[in-house]
Amino acid sequence: MSEWLIDMTKKTEKVIFERDLKRNLSNTDYKKTNSIFSNCLIEMKNNRSELFLKEIMRRISISKNEDKFFDDIVSVYKFLMFDMIIVKPQTHKLFDIDYYKRKDKILEILEALDINITDIENEKTDIKNIQAKLPDNVYMDLKRDIDLMTSRFNKISCTLRIENDIYTIKKRPDGEYDVNTLKFKHKNSASSFGTFEESDGTIRILELIDILLSKNKLFLIDELDSSLHPILVDGLLKIFLKANTSNQLIITTHELKTLDFDLVRRDEIWFAEKSQNGDSKIYSLEEFKDVARFDRKIDKAYMEGRFGAIASINTNYEN
């Protein structure tokens, strides 16, 4: 395992910290450091189960130390925890957006995507319901992250997605938690439905909708097209591009409709291809300028195998 944080804003790069367990290395370019930092670096030298960044943030939070030496570390941790958002199908993730408070905007987006939801309600529940759905270590990490959000980063409330449920969570001054689960109303129905009662496609849209609600975030989205009709994928990306949210998307997908120069530039399209050894390499469509002309149907050329990264199917196989 290796881990490092380097300040590249100066003329000369400066290593804030570096750990490499294979080389038995634990290092910093700073001659004068905070005692919490130096002790943590020494004690974490052979730790193979935790990241230094995570552990130093835990110690900073406990000590409530506000030494400016930690500004870069806190900034990077905050980015990784709250500004770089990884969205995978059927995963759990904590967000600093309250879906219920932003419901008017969410309902507008759902209507634009032809999703039949007319209202969003909050239903009171208990944090024990969340605890029951998570392994103990994941639940403890989650509580720590909520505490960081509500204290150090001054977030009033946040949203948690666990598989097919969505919760809003607020930590009270007495240390207890106010927890609500989201319910949805549909046209021509007086009943309210839990997230788990919605279709997979609707749940996937709800998982992705914060790309249109947030600002200055980096979203890493695995299998963007999971459970979504191609028209929904196309519509969601077009709305995102028009929204000018200052967010950035990095997505993986098998949906050919995304291979469209009306959506993305040539240098924004990358392919992943496996070698015979099982290793994967990635390369840009920009390497195929002569083939990938702007007047060409890129999805058709891809299916013809002109860019590689496509399976070789033996259609003569007989069972």
Foldseek 3Di string as FASTA:
>chain_A
DKDWDWDPPDPDIFTCWIADQVVLDTDGRDPDDDPLLVVLSVVCSNPPPDDSLVVSVVVCVVVVDPPVSCVVSVVVVCQVQEFEAEFEAQAKHKYLDDCQVCVVVVQVVCVLLVNFFDHKDWAWDACVVVVVLDDPVVVVVVLVVLVCCCPVVNRQWIWMDHRQWIKIWGQDPVRGITIITMWTDGPPDPDTHGSNPDQSQVSLCVSVVCLLVAANGEYEYEANCVRHDLVSSVSVLVCSVVSPRNYHYDYDHPRLVCQACVRDPQQNDKAWAADPVRDIDIDTSVVVPVVPDNVDSVSVCVVVCVPPNDDDDDPPDDD
